[in-house]
Amino acid sequence: MENNKKILTFCTLIGVLIFAYYFLPVDFVEGDDVTVTATITTSVSCSASPTATDFGTLTTAVITTSTPDVTLTMSCNYALGCTLSVQDDGNTINPGLNSAAATYLIGSANAAWDDTDTLVLGTEGYGIQATTTGSGSGGTLTIAARYDQTGDNVGGLEITDVDVSSSSAPIANRETVIKHKAAISGLTKAAADYTDTLTYSCTGN
């Protein structure tokens, strides 16, 4: 009989606890939401290596490629990527290889300043080709059609900015390699000071 009382008492206690859990009011206070915010500033950068390249002596017998090629390395965190562009000094009026001593310009891409041209022996012309490498990370670079050239085909330069390559997503240390090519004719004026300055810039899209 004593055991039955203990069992009854235990069952009663369990029943009270269950009733209290399900049926008695319990105070509950919901806390405030916490909003976490942050800002990431946009950035874009590019650098050229090396910063000089040389054709040496140009002759009518050879379509010449300057050495070395120039590599442009670009990084950006813009959501829509970034763009590499080039601006050419030329003679400040037209783009090309300019001689102050001879007062003469080898036009880019040719004497008519076309957007693209195929260089041929004995005919003046000057321009660049662009390719990419597998270096870097993030999005990929796309070369602009004007400079996506091979062989003796070149893209002409301008005295205003022209797009060379671009990405559509953030990139880190992606590379654009620039090859410079030139040809002259028998009438190209002799001089030792033919030069040109190409200014590369990077902008966020």
Protein backbone atom coordinates (compact mmCIF):
# COMPACT_ATOMS: atom_id res chain seq x y z
CA MET A 1 0.00 0.00 0.00
CA GLU A 2 2.89 2.36 0.79
CA ASN A 3 4.35 1.78 -2.68
CA ASN A 4 1.03 2.56 -4.33
CA LYS A 5 0.92 5.89 -2.48
CA LYS A 6 4.41 6.77 -3.71
CA ILE A 7 3.48 5.91 -7.30
CA LEU A 8 0.27 7.95 -7.06
CA THR A 9 2.13 10.89 -5.58
CA PHE A 10 4.75 10.71 -8.35
CA CYS A 11 2.13 10.51 -11.09
CA THR A 12 0.27 13.44 -9.55
CA LEU A 13 3.46 15.51 -9.52
CA ILE A 14 4.15 14.68 -13.18
CA GLY A 15 0.59 15.65 -14.08
CA VAL A 16 0.91 18.99 -12.29
CA LEU A 17 4.17 19.75 -14.09
CA ILE A 18 2.64 18.88 -17.47
CA PHE A 19 -0.40 21.04 -16.72
CA ALA A 20 1.79 23.94 -15.63
CA TYR A 21 3.92 23.66 -18.75
CA TYR A 22 1.05 23.64 -21.22
CA PHE A 23 -1.72 25.62 -19.53
CA LEU A 24 -0.36 28.14 -17.06
CA PRO A 25 0.60 31.56 -18.53
CA VAL A 26 4.32 32.16 -18.95
CA ASP A 27 5.81 35.63 -19.51
CA PHE A 28 7.83 35.89 -22.78
CA VAL A 29 9.49 39.09 -24.02
CA GLU A 30 10.80 39.20 -27.61
CA GLY A 31 14.05 41.17 -27.93
CA ASP A 32 14.80 43.83 -30.56
CA ASP A 33 16.30 42.86 -33.95
CA VAL A 34 19.94 43.80 -34.52
CA THR A 35 20.91 45.04 -38.00
CA VAL A 36 24.54 44.65 -39.02
CA THR A 37 25.86 46.98 -41.76
CA ALA A 38 29.16 47.57 -43.53
CA THR A 39 30.61 49.66 -46.36
CA ILE A 40 33.22 48.55 -48.90
CA THR A 41 34.72 51.38 -50.93
CA THR A 42 35.39 50.92 -54.64
CA SER A 43 38.95 50.68 -55.90
CA VAL A 44 40.73 50.23 -59.21
CA SER A 45 44.43 50.15 -60.07
CA CYS A 46 46.73 49.37 -62.98
CA SER A 47 50.46 49.39 -63.62
CA ALA A 48 52.76 48.90 -66.60
CA SER A 49 55.92 46.80 -66.72
CA PRO A 50 58.28 47.69 -68.23
CA THR A 51 57.62 51.38 -68.89
CA ALA A 52 59.69 51.59 -72.10
CA THR A 53 60.09 49.54 -75.28
CA ASP A 54 62.35 50.03 -78.32
CA PHE A 55 62.01 49.41 -82.06
CA GLY A 56 65.70 49.91 -82.66
CA THR A 57 66.44 50.87 -86.26
CA LEU A 58 63.45 50.62 -88.59
CA THR A 59 64.09 49.53 -92.20
CA THR A 60 61.92 48.91 -95.25
CA ALA A 61 62.99 45.24 -95.27
CA VAL A 62 61.31 44.28 -91.99
CA ILE A 63 58.04 44.79 -90.16
CA THR A 64 59.49 45.43 -86.73
CA THR A 65 58.21 44.44 -83.30
CA SER A 66 59.57 46.47 -80.41
CA THR A 67 61.17 44.76 -77.43
CA PRO A 68 60.15 44.01 -74.83
CA ASP A 69 56.37 43.66 -74.84
CA VAL A 70 54.59 45.68 -72.13
CA THR A 71 52.35 44.04 -69.53
CA LEU A 72 49.51 46.02 -67.93
CA THR A 73 48.26 44.57 -64.64
CA MET A 74 44.79 45.65 -63.52
CA SER A 75 42.73 45.09 -60.36
CA CYS A 76 39.31 46.38 -59.30
CA ASN A 77 36.39 45.53 -57.01
CA TYR A 78 33.64 47.24 -59.02
CA ALA A 79 30.62 44.93 -59.32
CA LEU A 80 30.57 45.42 -63.11
CA GLY A 81 34.36 45.14 -63.48
CA CYS A 82 36.75 47.66 -64.99
CA THR A 83 38.26 48.82 -68.27
CA LEU A 84 41.83 49.44 -69.46
CA SER A 85 42.19 52.23 -72.04
CA VAL A 86 45.08 53.79 -73.94
CA GLN A 87 45.73 57.36 -75.12
CA ASP A 88 48.48 58.24 -77.60
CA ASP A 89 50.48 61.47 -77.73
CA GLY A 90 51.70 61.25 -81.35
CA ASN A 91 52.38 64.80 -82.47
CA THR A 92 49.51 66.05 -80.22
CA ILE A 93 47.31 66.40 -83.32
CA ASN A 94 47.39 62.88 -84.76
CA PRO A 95 48.53 59.55 -83.28
CA GLY A 96 51.76 57.86 -84.33
CA LEU A 97 55.54 57.72 -84.02
CA ASN A 98 56.71 61.32 -84.13
CA SER A 99 60.06 62.93 -84.97
CA ALA A 100 60.45 66.52 -83.81
CA ALA A 101 63.77 66.81 -85.63
CA ALA A 102 62.33 65.72 -88.98
CA THR A 103 58.89 67.21 -88.31
CA TYR A 104 57.43 63.90 -89.42
CA LEU A 105 54.84 61.43 -88.15
CA ILE A 106 54.45 57.72 -88.91
CA GLY A 107 50.69 57.53 -88.58
CA SER A 108 48.78 54.97 -86.55
CA ALA A 109 47.50 52.59 -87.80
CA ASN A 110 48.55 54.06 -91.17
CA ALA A 111 48.85 57.38 -93.00
CA ALA A 112 45.04 57.59 -93.10
CA TRP A 113 44.77 56.94 -89.32
CA ASP A 114 42.45 53.97 -89.81
CA ASP A 115 41.26 52.02 -86.76
CA THR A 116 43.05 48.86 -87.92
CA ASP A 117 45.44 47.89 -90.70
CA THR A 118 47.69 45.11 -91.95
CA LEU A 119 51.29 46.27 -92.00
CA VAL A 120 53.17 45.53 -95.22
CA LEU A 121 56.78 45.97 -96.21
CA GLY A 122 57.56 49.35 -97.69
CA THR A 123 54.40 51.06 -96.40
CA GLU A 124 54.25 53.21 -93.28
CA GLY A 125 52.21 51.97 -90.38
CA TYR A 126 52.31 51.63 -86.61
CA GLY A 127 50.03 50.09 -84.02
CA ILE A 128 49.54 47.59 -81.24
CA GLN A 129 48.18 44.14 -80.52
CA ALA A 130 46.76 43.02 -77.15
CA THR A 131 46.46 39.60 -75.54
CA THR A 132 45.75 38.28 -72.05
CA THR A 133 47.52 35.79 -69.81
CA GLY A 134 46.27 33.27 -67.27
CA SER A 135 47.60 35.29 -64.35
CA GLY A 136 45.38 36.84 -61.71
CA SER A 137 41.98 35.87 -60.36
CA GLY A 138 38.33 36.87 -60.37
CA GLY A 139 36.58 37.72 -63.64
CA THR A 140 38.32 37.39 -66.98
CA LEU A 141 39.52 40.09 -69.39
CA THR A 142 38.10 40.56 -72.85
CA ILE A 143 40.29 42.25 -75.47
CA ALA A 144 38.58 44.98 -77.52
CA ALA A 145 38.10 43.92 -81.16
CA ARG A 146 40.27 46.81 -82.37
CA TYR A 147 43.36 45.41 -80.62
CA ASP A 148 42.53 41.70 -80.78
CA GLN A 149 44.98 41.28 -83.66
CA THR A 150 47.61 38.74 -84.72
CA GLY A 151 50.35 38.45 -87.35
CA ASP A 152 51.04 41.83 -88.95
CA ASN A 153 47.57 43.18 -88.20
CA VAL A 154 47.49 46.09 -85.74
CA GLY A 155 45.00 48.33 -84.02
CA GLY A 156 45.49 52.02 -84.47
CA LEU A 157 46.00 54.44 -81.57
CA GLU A 158 44.16 57.71 -80.92
CA ILE A 159 44.99 60.95 -79.13
CA THR A 160 41.90 60.26 -77.00
CA ASP A 161 41.23 57.21 -74.81
CA VAL A 162 40.37 53.96 -76.58
CA ASP A 163 39.35 50.77 -74.73
CA VAL A 164 41.92 47.97 -74.83
CA SER A 165 40.51 45.33 -72.47
CA SER A 166 37.79 45.00 -69.87
CA SER A 167 36.16 42.72 -67.33
CA SER A 168 32.52 42.39 -66.31
CA ALA A 169 33.27 41.40 -62.69
CA PRO A 170 35.85 42.23 -60.02
CA ILE A 171 39.40 41.10 -60.87
CA ALA A 172 42.77 40.87 -59.13
CA ASN A 173 46.05 41.23 -61.02
CA ARG A 174 44.69 40.33 -64.46
CA GLU A 175 47.22 41.00 -67.24
CA THR A 176 46.98 42.57 -70.70
CA VAL A 177 50.09 42.18 -72.83
CA ILE A 178 50.80 44.86 -75.46
CA LYS A 179 52.88 44.20 -78.57
CA HIS A 180 54.02 47.21 -80.65
CA LYS A 181 54.66 46.88 -84.40
CA ALA A 182 55.82 49.34 -87.09
CA ALA A 183 56.76 49.54 -90.76
CA ILE A 184 58.25 52.33 -92.88
CA SER A 185 58.55 53.25 -96.53
CA GLY A 186 61.50 54.44 -98.58
CA LEU A 187 60.17 57.98 -98.18
CA THR A 188 59.96 57.96 -94.38
CA LYS A 189 62.21 60.80 -93.25
CA ALA A 190 65.43 59.75 -91.49
CA ALA A 191 65.78 60.82 -87.85
CA ALA A 192 67.04 59.38 -84.58
CA ASP A 193 64.30 60.79 -82.36
CA TYR A 194 61.12 58.97 -83.38
CA THR A 195 59.14 58.51 -80.20
CA ASP A 196 55.65 58.12 -78.85
CA THR A 197 54.06 58.12 -75.39
CA LEU A 198 51.14 55.82 -74.65
CA THR A 199 49.21 56.56 -71.46
CA TYR A 200 47.21 53.66 -70.01
CA SER A 201 44.42 54.22 -67.52
CA CYS A 202 41.96 52.03 -65.63
CA THR A 203 38.39 52.93 -64.72
CA GLY A 204 35.58 51.12 -62.91
CA ASN A 205 32.57 50.11 -65.00
